[in-house]
Every structure is written in C-alpha cells, then in structure tokens.
Amino acid sequence: MIFLVHYDRRAQQLLRFDKYDDADHVRAADDRLDLELSLLGSDRENEIVLFSAASEAALRVSHARYFYSLEELAIAAAQSQGPMPC
C-alpha cells in the first residue's frame, strides 16, 4: 500500500492521511504534488510524504511520530513497550 501523509511539524499534528493501492502510485504522486503546490506560501511547517508499507499497522510502527503524540511515545518508551501498539 501507499500512504500520503501531510504533517504539521510545528503543531505536531497529522493533517491528512490517504491510502492508495500499489497500482495507484501515479495518482498518489500526483496528489502529493497537488498538495505541495496548494500549500506554497503557507506559514505551516508542512511535511508531505509518500510511504510504501505492507499495511497501515506497519506504517504506524515504523513512523509512529506521525500518529502519536510525544507524550504517548514517551509513556510507551518508559513502559518499555517498544513501538506503539496498533
């Protein structure tokens, strides 16, 4: 699967999360470009990325910072749970 993530670094907030089938990689890339162009000049600290992962659960483990607050990540680390459960 392919995932489009729009994340505001300053606010530490996930603003957009879209899923695409692997066969839709061209559409996913076009959507990413359209989003980047629409945000030119924005005062947000935008992070717009495409990820390829076996599943959303796998992405949530490998890139947990997009989905969980710093507090949630710190609690999980303190409890030695490793990656956030999905």
PDB file of N, CA and C in Angstrom:
ATOM      1  N   MET A   1       0.834  -1.185   0.000  1.00  0.00           N
ATOM      2  CA  MET A   1       0.000   0.000   0.000  1.00  0.00           C
ATOM      3  C   MET A   1       0.875   1.244   0.000  1.00  0.00           C
ATOM      4  N   ILE A   2       0.286   2.312  -0.475  1.00  0.00           N
ATOM      5  CA  ILE A   2       0.954   3.613  -0.498  1.00  0.00           C
ATOM      6  C   ILE A   2       0.148   4.556   0.389  1.00  0.00           C
ATOM      7  N   PHE A   3       0.853   5.366   1.152  1.00  0.00           N
ATOM      8  CA  PHE A   3       0.206   6.281   2.086  1.00  0.00           C
ATOM      9  C   PHE A   3       0.728   7.695   1.861  1.00  0.00           C
ATOM     10  N   LEU A   4      -0.184   8.631   1.753  1.00  0.00           N
ATOM     11  CA  LEU A   4       0.149  10.057   1.654  1.00  0.00           C
ATOM     12  C   LEU A   4      -0.073  10.666   3.032  1.00  0.00           C
ATOM     13  N   VAL A   5       0.974  11.277   3.562  1.00  0.00           N
ATOM     14  CA  VAL A   5       0.929  11.871   4.891  1.00  0.00           C
ATOM     15  C   VAL A   5       1.223  13.364   4.777  1.00  0.00           C
ATOM     16  N   HIS A   6       0.344  14.162   5.368  1.00  0.00           N
ATOM     17  CA  HIS A   6       0.576  15.604   5.494  1.00  0.00           C
ATOM     18  C   HIS A   6       0.614  15.891   6.983  1.00  0.00           C
ATOM     19  N   TYR A   7       1.773  16.320   7.437  1.00  0.00           N
ATOM     20  CA  TYR A   7       2.023  16.518   8.861  1.00  0.00           C
ATOM     21  C   TYR A   7       2.508  17.934   9.099  1.00  0.00           C
ATOM     22  N   ASP A   8       1.948  18.595  10.108  1.00  0.00           N
ATOM     23  CA  ASP A   8       2.389  19.928  10.514  1.00  0.00           C
ATOM     24  C   ASP A   8       3.396  19.748  11.638  1.00  0.00           C
ATOM     25  N   ARG A   9       4.668  19.992  11.344  1.00  0.00           N
ATOM     26  CA  ARG A   9       5.729  19.789  12.342  1.00  0.00           C
ATOM     27  C   ARG A   9       5.579  20.712  13.543  1.00  0.00           C
ATOM     28  N   ARG A  10       5.241  21.952  13.298  1.00  0.00           N
ATOM     29  CA  ARG A  10       5.145  22.909  14.400  1.00  0.00           C
ATOM     30  C   ARG A  10       4.039  22.501  15.373  1.00  0.00           C
ATOM     31  N   ALA A  11       2.883  22.142  14.843  1.00  0.00           N
ATOM     32  CA  ALA A  11       1.745  21.746  15.676  1.00  0.00           C
ATOM     33  C   ALA A  11       1.811  20.282  16.098  1.00  0.00           C
ATOM     34  N   GLN A  12       2.738  19.527  15.499  1.00  0.00           N
ATOM     35  CA  GLN A  12       2.860  18.092  15.736  1.00  0.00           C
ATOM     36  C   GLN A  12       1.503  17.417  15.544  1.00  0.00           C
ATOM     37  N   GLN A  13       0.931  17.678  14.366  1.00  0.00           N
ATOM     38  CA  GLN A  13      -0.418  17.216  14.082  1.00  0.00           C
ATOM     39  C   GLN A  13      -0.511  16.631  12.678  1.00  0.00           C
ATOM     40  N   LEU A  14      -1.130  15.479  12.575  1.00  0.00           N
ATOM     41  CA  LEU A  14      -1.403  14.853  11.297  1.00  0.00           C
ATOM     42  C   LEU A  14      -2.612  15.554  10.681  1.00  0.00           C
ATOM     43  N   LEU A  15      -2.423  16.125   9.496  1.00  0.00           N
ATOM     44  CA  LEU A  15      -3.484  16.883   8.854  1.00  0.00           C
ATOM     45  C   LEU A  15      -4.203  16.091   7.766  1.00  0.00           C
ATOM     46  N   ARG A  16      -3.487  15.152   7.167  1.00  0.00           N
ATOM     47  CA  ARG A  16      -4.095  14.367   6.090  1.00  0.00           C
ATOM     48  C   ARG A  16      -3.419  13.012   6.036  1.00  0.00           C
ATOM     49  N   PHE A  17      -4.227  11.984   5.799  1.00  0.00           N
ATOM     50  CA  PHE A  17      -3.713  10.627   5.690  1.00  0.00           C
ATOM     51  C   PHE A  17      -4.570   9.891   4.671  1.00  0.00           C
ATOM     52  N   ASP A  18      -4.004   9.636   3.499  1.00  0.00           N
ATOM     53  CA  ASP A  18      -4.726   8.961   2.418  1.00  0.00           C
ATOM     54  C   ASP A  18      -4.039   7.645   2.095  1.00  0.00           C
ATOM     55  N   LYS A  19      -4.851   6.664   1.704  1.00  0.00           N
ATOM     56  CA  LYS A  19      -4.341   5.336   1.350  1.00  0.00           C
ATOM     57  C   LYS A  19      -4.594   5.076  -0.127  1.00  0.00           C
ATOM     58  N   TYR A  20      -3.636   4.412  -0.756  1.00  0.00           N
ATOM     59  CA  TYR A  20      -3.730   4.063  -2.171  1.00  0.00           C
ATOM     60  C   TYR A  20      -3.271   2.621  -2.357  1.00  0.00           C
ATOM     61  N   ASP A  21      -3.867   1.949  -3.312  1.00  0.00           N
ATOM     62  CA  ASP A  21      -3.366   0.635  -3.712  1.00  0.00           C
ATOM     63  C   ASP A  21      -2.018   0.834  -4.402  1.00  0.00           C
ATOM     64  N   ASP A  22      -1.189  -0.183  -4.376  1.00  0.00           N
ATOM     65  CA  ASP A  22       0.126  -0.093  -5.021  1.00  0.00           C
ATOM     66  C   ASP A  22       0.010   0.304  -6.489  1.00  0.00           C
ATOM     67  N   ALA A  23      -1.036  -0.139  -7.156  1.00  0.00           N
ATOM     68  CA  ALA A  23      -1.223   0.173  -8.582  1.00  0.00           C
ATOM     69  C   ALA A  23      -1.533   1.652  -8.817  1.00  0.00           C
ATOM     70  N   ASP A  24      -1.911   2.381  -7.761  1.00  0.00           N
ATOM     71  CA  ASP A  24      -2.269   3.796  -7.880  1.00  0.00           C
ATOM     72  C   ASP A  24      -1.106   4.722  -7.543  1.00  0.00           C
ATOM     73  N   HIS A  25       0.134   4.263  -7.766  1.00  0.00           N
ATOM     74  CA  HIS A  25       1.293   5.079  -7.380  1.00  0.00           C
ATOM     75  C   HIS A  25       1.366   6.399  -8.152  1.00  0.00           C
ATOM     76  N   VAL A  26       0.907   6.423  -9.395  1.00  0.00           N
ATOM     77  CA  VAL A  26       0.928   7.673 -10.168  1.00  0.00           C
ATOM     78  C   VAL A  26      -0.075   8.663  -9.574  1.00  0.00           C
ATOM     79  N   ARG A  27      -1.261   8.181  -9.239  1.00  0.00           N
ATOM     80  CA  ARG A  27      -2.266   9.061  -8.629  1.00  0.00           C
ATOM     81  C   ARG A  27      -1.781   9.582  -7.276  1.00  0.00           C
ATOM     82  N   ALA A  28      -1.146   8.720  -6.496  1.00  0.00           N
ATOM     83  CA  ALA A  28      -0.615   9.138  -5.198  1.00  0.00           C
ATOM     84  C   ALA A  28       0.437  10.236  -5.373  1.00  0.00           C
ATOM     85  N   ALA A  29       1.330  10.068  -6.334  1.00  0.00           N
ATOM     86  CA  ALA A  29       2.368  11.074  -6.591  1.00  0.00           C
ATOM     87  C   ALA A  29       1.749  12.376  -7.082  1.00  0.00           C
ATOM     88  N   ASP A  30       0.737  12.282  -7.935  1.00  0.00           N
ATOM     89  CA  ASP A  30       0.045  13.487  -8.412  1.00  0.00           C
ATOM     90  C   ASP A  30      -0.640  14.211  -7.259  1.00  0.00           C
ATOM     91  N   ASP A  31      -1.292  13.458  -6.371  1.00  0.00           N
ATOM     92  CA  ASP A  31      -1.959  14.073  -5.217  1.00  0.00           C
ATOM     93  C   ASP A  31      -0.956  14.754  -4.296  1.00  0.00           C
ATOM     94  N   ARG A  32       0.214  14.121  -4.111  1.00  0.00           N
ATOM     95  CA  ARG A  32       1.263  14.736  -3.281  1.00  0.00           C
ATOM     96  C   ARG A  32       1.713  16.056  -3.887  1.00  0.00           C
ATOM     97  N   LEU A  33       1.948  16.057  -5.200  1.00  0.00           N
ATOM     98  CA  LEU A  33       2.386  17.275  -5.869  1.00  0.00           C
ATOM     99  C   LEU A  33       1.311  18.357  -5.790  1.00  0.00           C
ATOM    100  N   ASP A  34       0.065  17.997  -6.026  1.00  0.00           N
ATOM    101  CA  ASP A  34      -1.033  18.963  -5.924  1.00  0.00           C
ATOM    102  C   ASP A  34      -1.103  19.563  -4.529  1.00  0.00           C
ATOM    103  N   LEU A  35      -0.935  18.744  -3.522  1.00  0.00           N
ATOM    104  CA  LEU A  35      -0.974  19.229  -2.143  1.00  0.00           C
ATOM    105  C   LEU A  35       0.191  20.170  -1.876  1.00  0.00           C
ATOM    106  N   GLU A  36       1.380  19.787  -2.306  1.00  0.00           N
ATOM    107  CA  GLU A  36       2.544  20.655  -2.100  1.00  0.00           C
ATOM    108  C   GLU A  36       2.354  22.006  -2.783  1.00  0.00           C
ATOM    109  N   LEU A  37       1.846  21.997  -4.004  1.00  0.00           N
ATOM    110  CA  LEU A  37       1.624  23.252  -4.724  1.00  0.00           C
ATOM    111  C   LEU A  37       0.562  24.107  -4.048  1.00  0.00           C
ATOM    112  N   SER A  38      -0.479  23.468  -3.517  1.00  0.00           N
ATOM    113  CA  SER A  38      -1.548  24.222  -2.863  1.00  0.00           C
ATOM    114  C   SER A  38      -1.080  24.867  -1.559  1.00  0.00           C
ATOM    115  N   LEU A  39      -0.005  24.364  -0.991  1.00  0.00           N
ATOM    116  CA  LEU A  39       0.477  24.864   0.297  1.00  0.00           C
ATOM    117  C   LEU A  39       1.654  25.830   0.175  1.00  0.00           C
ATOM    118  N   LEU A  40       2.064  26.135  -1.055  1.00  0.00           N
ATOM    119  CA  LEU A  40       3.156  27.093  -1.232  1.00  0.00           C
ATOM    120  C   LEU A  40       2.800  28.405  -0.548  1.00  0.00           C
ATOM    121  N   GLY A  41       3.716  28.922   0.234  1.00  0.00           N
ATOM    122  CA  GLY A  41       3.499  30.174   0.941  1.00  0.00           C
ATOM    123  C   GLY A  41       2.778  30.015   2.265  1.00  0.00           C
ATOM    124  N   SER A  42       2.405  28.810   2.615  1.00  0.00           N
ATOM    125  CA  SER A  42       1.734  28.563   3.885  1.00  0.00           C
ATOM    126  C   SER A  42       2.701  28.830   5.032  1.00  0.00           C
ATOM    127  N   ASP A  43       2.166  29.254   6.161  1.00  0.00           N
ATOM    128  CA  ASP A  43       3.024  29.503   7.314  1.00  0.00           C
ATOM    129  C   ASP A  43       3.212  28.253   8.174  1.00  0.00           C
ATOM    130  N   ARG A  44       2.615  27.160   7.774  1.00  0.00           N
ATOM    131  CA  ARG A  44       2.806  25.898   8.488  1.00  0.00           C
ATOM    132  C   ARG A  44       4.174  25.310   8.136  1.00  0.00           C
ATOM    133  N   GLU A  45       4.661  24.469   9.005  1.00  0.00           N
ATOM    134  CA  GLU A  45       5.868  23.697   8.710  1.00  0.00           C
ATOM    135  C   GLU A  45       5.403  22.350   8.184  1.00  0.00           C
ATOM    136  N   ASN A  46       5.051  22.342   6.908  1.00  0.00           N
ATOM    137  CA  ASN A  46       4.462  21.169   6.286  1.00  0.00           C
ATOM    138  C   ASN A  46       5.494  20.101   5.975  1.00  0.00           C
ATOM    139  N   GLU A  47       5.112  18.883   6.240  1.00  0.00           N
ATOM    140  CA  GLU A  47       5.872  17.722   5.833  1.00  0.00           C
ATOM    141  C   GLU A  47       4.893  16.857   5.045  1.00  0.00           C
ATOM    142  N   ILE A  48       5.161  16.683   3.771  1.00  0.00           N
ATOM    143  CA  ILE A  48       4.282  15.926   2.889  1.00  0.00           C
ATOM    144  C   ILE A  48       5.100  14.800   2.289  1.00  0.00           C
ATOM    145  N   VAL A  49       4.708  13.574   2.602  1.00  0.00           N
ATOM    146  CA  VAL A  49       5.499  12.424   2.176  1.00  0.00           C
ATOM    147  C   VAL A  49       4.603  11.292   1.691  1.00  0.00           C
ATOM    148  N   LEU A  50       5.182  10.478   0.834  1.00  0.00           N
ATOM    149  CA  LEU A  50       4.557   9.228   0.417  1.00  0.00           C
ATOM    150  C   LEU A  50       5.361   8.091   1.031  1.00  0.00           C
ATOM    151  N   PHE A  51       4.664   7.128   1.598  1.00  0.00           N
ATOM    152  CA  PHE A  51       5.289   5.942   2.160  1.00  0.00           C
ATOM    153  C   PHE A  51       4.716   4.715   1.472  1.00  0.00           C
ATOM    154  N   SER A  52       5.536   3.714   1.363  1.00  0.00           N
ATOM    155  CA  SER A  52       5.086   2.406   0.916  1.00  0.00           C
ATOM    156  C   SER A  52       5.285   1.465   2.092  1.00  0.00           C
ATOM    157  N   ALA A  53       4.218   0.757   2.464  1.00  0.00           N
ATOM    158  CA  ALA A  53       4.295  -0.176   3.586  1.00  0.00           C
ATOM    159  C   ALA A  53       3.335  -1.328   3.332  1.00  0.00           C
ATOM    160  N   ALA A  54       3.594  -2.436   3.984  1.00  0.00           N
ATOM    161  CA  ALA A  54       2.744  -3.617   3.814  1.00  0.00           C
ATOM    162  C   ALA A  54       1.331  -3.367   4.317  1.00  0.00           C
ATOM    163  N   SER A  55       1.202  -2.505   5.340  1.00  0.00           N
ATOM    164  CA  SER A  55      -0.110  -2.220   5.926  1.00  0.00           C
ATOM    165  C   SER A  55      -0.040  -0.913   6.707  1.00  0.00           C
ATOM    166  N   GLU A  56      -1.207  -0.400   7.056  1.00  0.00           N
ATOM    167  CA  GLU A  56      -1.247   0.798   7.895  1.00  0.00           C
ATOM    168  C   GLU A  56      -0.635   0.504   9.260  1.00  0.00           C
ATOM    169  N   ALA A  57      -0.892  -0.687   9.777  1.00  0.00           N
ATOM    170  CA  ALA A  57      -0.316  -1.063  11.077  1.00  0.00           C
ATOM    171  C   ALA A  57       1.206  -1.029  11.032  1.00  0.00           C
ATOM    172  N   ALA A  58       1.785  -1.524   9.960  1.00  0.00           N
ATOM    173  CA  ALA A  58       3.245  -1.497   9.825  1.00  0.00           C
ATOM    174  C   ALA A  58       3.758  -0.064   9.764  1.00  0.00           C
ATOM    175  N   LEU A  59       3.051   0.800   9.056  1.00  0.00           N
ATOM    176  CA  LEU A  59       3.457   2.208   8.966  1.00  0.00           C
ATOM    177  C   LEU A  59       3.361   2.890  10.328  1.00  0.00           C
ATOM    178  N   ARG A  60       2.317   2.569  11.082  1.00  0.00           N
ATOM    179  CA  ARG A  60       2.151   3.166  12.415  1.00  0.00           C
ATOM    180  C   ARG A  60       3.274   2.762  13.363  1.00  0.00           C
ATOM    181  N   VAL A  61       3.874   1.610  13.144  1.00  0.00           N
ATOM    182  CA  VAL A  61       5.007   1.181  13.962  1.00  0.00           C
ATOM    183  C   VAL A  61       6.285   1.854  13.476  1.00  0.00           C
ATOM    184  N   SER A  62       6.515   1.840  12.163  1.00  0.00           N
ATOM    185  CA  SER A  62       7.772   2.372  11.632  1.00  0.00           C
ATOM    186  C   SER A  62       7.851   3.895  11.663  1.00  0.00           C
ATOM    187  N   HIS A  63       6.708   4.572  11.646  1.00  0.00           N
ATOM    188  CA  HIS A  63       6.675   6.038  11.636  1.00  0.00           C
ATOM    189  C   HIS A  63       5.678   6.558  12.675  1.00  0.00           C
ATOM    190  N   ALA A  64       5.830   6.084  13.885  1.00  0.00           N
ATOM    191  CA  ALA A  64       4.881   6.372  14.968  1.00  0.00           C
ATOM    192  C   ALA A  64       4.717   7.862  15.251  1.00  0.00           C
ATOM    193  N   ARG A  65       5.728   8.656  15.020  1.00  0.00           N
ATOM    194  CA  ARG A  65       5.646  10.085  15.369  1.00  0.00           C
ATOM    195  C   ARG A  65       4.549  10.820  14.612  1.00  0.00           C
ATOM    196  N   TYR A  66       4.133  10.288  13.468  1.00  0.00           N
ATOM    197  CA  TYR A  66       3.054  10.922  12.716  1.00  0.00           C
ATOM    198  C   TYR A  66       1.679  10.640  13.334  1.00  0.00           C
ATOM    199  N   PHE A  67       1.587   9.586  14.118  1.00  0.00           N
ATOM    200  CA  PHE A  67       0.295   9.111  14.588  1.00  0.00           C
ATOM    201  C   PHE A  67       0.061   9.263  16.082  1.00  0.00           C
ATOM    202  N   TYR A  68       1.133   9.441  16.836  1.00  0.00           N
ATOM    203  CA  TYR A  68       1.028   9.501  18.289  1.00  0.00           C
ATOM    204  C   TYR A  68       1.720  10.760  18.805  1.00  0.00           C
ATOM    205  N   SER A  69       1.195  11.294  19.878  1.00  0.00           N
ATOM    206  CA  SER A  69       1.789  12.498  20.465  1.00  0.00           C
ATOM    207  C   SER A  69       3.121  12.149  21.119  1.00  0.00           C
ATOM    208  N   LEU A  70       3.918  13.175  21.367  1.00  0.00           N
ATOM    209  CA  LEU A  70       5.189  12.955  22.060  1.00  0.00           C
ATOM    210  C   LEU A  70       4.952  12.344  23.435  1.00  0.00           C
ATOM    211  N   GLU A  71       3.878  12.760  24.072  1.00  0.00           N
ATOM    212  CA  GLU A  71       3.545  12.214  25.389  1.00  0.00           C
ATOM    213  C   GLU A  71       3.256  10.714  25.290  1.00  0.00           C
ATOM    214  N   GLU A  72       2.471  10.319  24.300  1.00  0.00           N
ATOM    215  CA  GLU A  72       2.159   8.896  24.118  1.00  0.00           C
ATOM    216  C   GLU A  72       3.417   8.093  23.814  1.00  0.00           C
ATOM    217  N   LEU A  73       4.291   8.645  22.990  1.00  0.00           N
ATOM    218  CA  LEU A  73       5.536   7.954  22.666  1.00  0.00           C
ATOM    219  C   LEU A  73       6.437   7.834  23.893  1.00  0.00           C
ATOM    220  N   ALA A  74       6.490   8.888  24.705  1.00  0.00           N
ATOM    221  CA  ALA A  74       7.320   8.871  25.916  1.00  0.00           C
ATOM    222  C   ALA A  74       6.790   7.854  26.920  1.00  0.00           C
ATOM    223  N   ILE A  75       5.480   7.790  27.079  1.00  0.00           N
ATOM    224  CA  ILE A  75       4.886   6.815  28.001  1.00  0.00           C
ATOM    225  C   ILE A  75       5.191   5.399  27.540  1.00  0.00           C
ATOM    226  N   ALA A  76       5.041   5.143  26.252  1.00  0.00           N
ATOM    227  CA  ALA A  76       5.335   3.807  25.712  1.00  0.00           C
ATOM    228  C   ALA A  76       6.795   3.443  25.925  1.00  0.00           C
ATOM    229  N   ALA A  77       7.698   4.415  25.726  1.00  0.00           N
ATOM    230  CA  ALA A  77       9.126   4.152  25.919  1.00  0.00           C
ATOM    231  C   ALA A  77       9.432   3.894  27.391  1.00  0.00           C
ATOM    232  N   ALA A  78       8.799   4.663  28.276  1.00  0.00           N
ATOM    233  CA  ALA A  78       9.038   4.496  29.710  1.00  0.00           C
ATOM    234  C   ALA A  78       8.533   3.146  30.206  1.00  0.00           C
ATOM    235  N   GLN A  79       7.492   2.668  29.596  1.00  0.00           N
ATOM    236  CA  GLN A  79       6.936   1.376  29.997  1.00  0.00           C
ATOM    237  C   GLN A  79       7.619   0.219  29.272  1.00  0.00           C
ATOM    238  N   SER A  80       8.634   0.563  28.463  1.00  0.00           N
ATOM    239  CA  SER A  80       9.409  -0.430  27.709  1.00  0.00           C
ATOM    240  C   SER A  80       8.531  -1.302  26.838  1.00  0.00           C
ATOM    241  N   GLN A  81       7.540  -0.688  26.246  1.00  0.00           N
ATOM    242  CA  GLN A  81       6.658  -1.435  25.355  1.00  0.00           C
ATOM    243  C   GLN A  81       7.209  -1.512  23.947  1.00  0.00           C
ATOM    244  N   GLY A  82       8.247  -0.767  23.663  1.00  0.00           N
ATOM    245  CA  GLY A  82       8.754  -0.728  22.306  1.00  0.00           C
ATOM    246  C   GLY A  82       7.826   0.123  21.450  1.00  0.00           C
ATOM    247  N   PRO A  83       7.675  -0.248  20.186  1.00  0.00           N
ATOM    248  CA  PRO A  83       6.834   0.538  19.286  1.00  0.00           C
ATOM    249  C   PRO A  83       5.393   0.585  19.785  1.00  0.00           C
ATOM    250  N   MET A  84       4.712   1.642  19.411  1.00  0.00           N
ATOM    251  CA  MET A  84       3.318   1.804  19.799  1.00  0.00           C
ATOM    252  C   MET A  84       2.491   0.643  19.266  1.00  0.00           C
ATOM    253  N   PRO A  85       1.598   0.113  20.074  1.00  0.00           N
ATOM    254  CA  PRO A  85       0.705  -0.937  19.576  1.00  0.00           C
ATOM    255  C   PRO A  85      -0.286  -0.356  18.586  1.00  0.00           C
ATOM    256  N   CYS A  86      -0.704  -1.155  17.664  1.00  0.00           N
ATOM    257  CA  CYS A  86      -1.651  -0.694  16.643  1.00  0.00           C
ATOM    258  C   CYS A  86      -3.017  -1.277  16.879  1.00  0.00           C
TER     259      CYS A  86
END
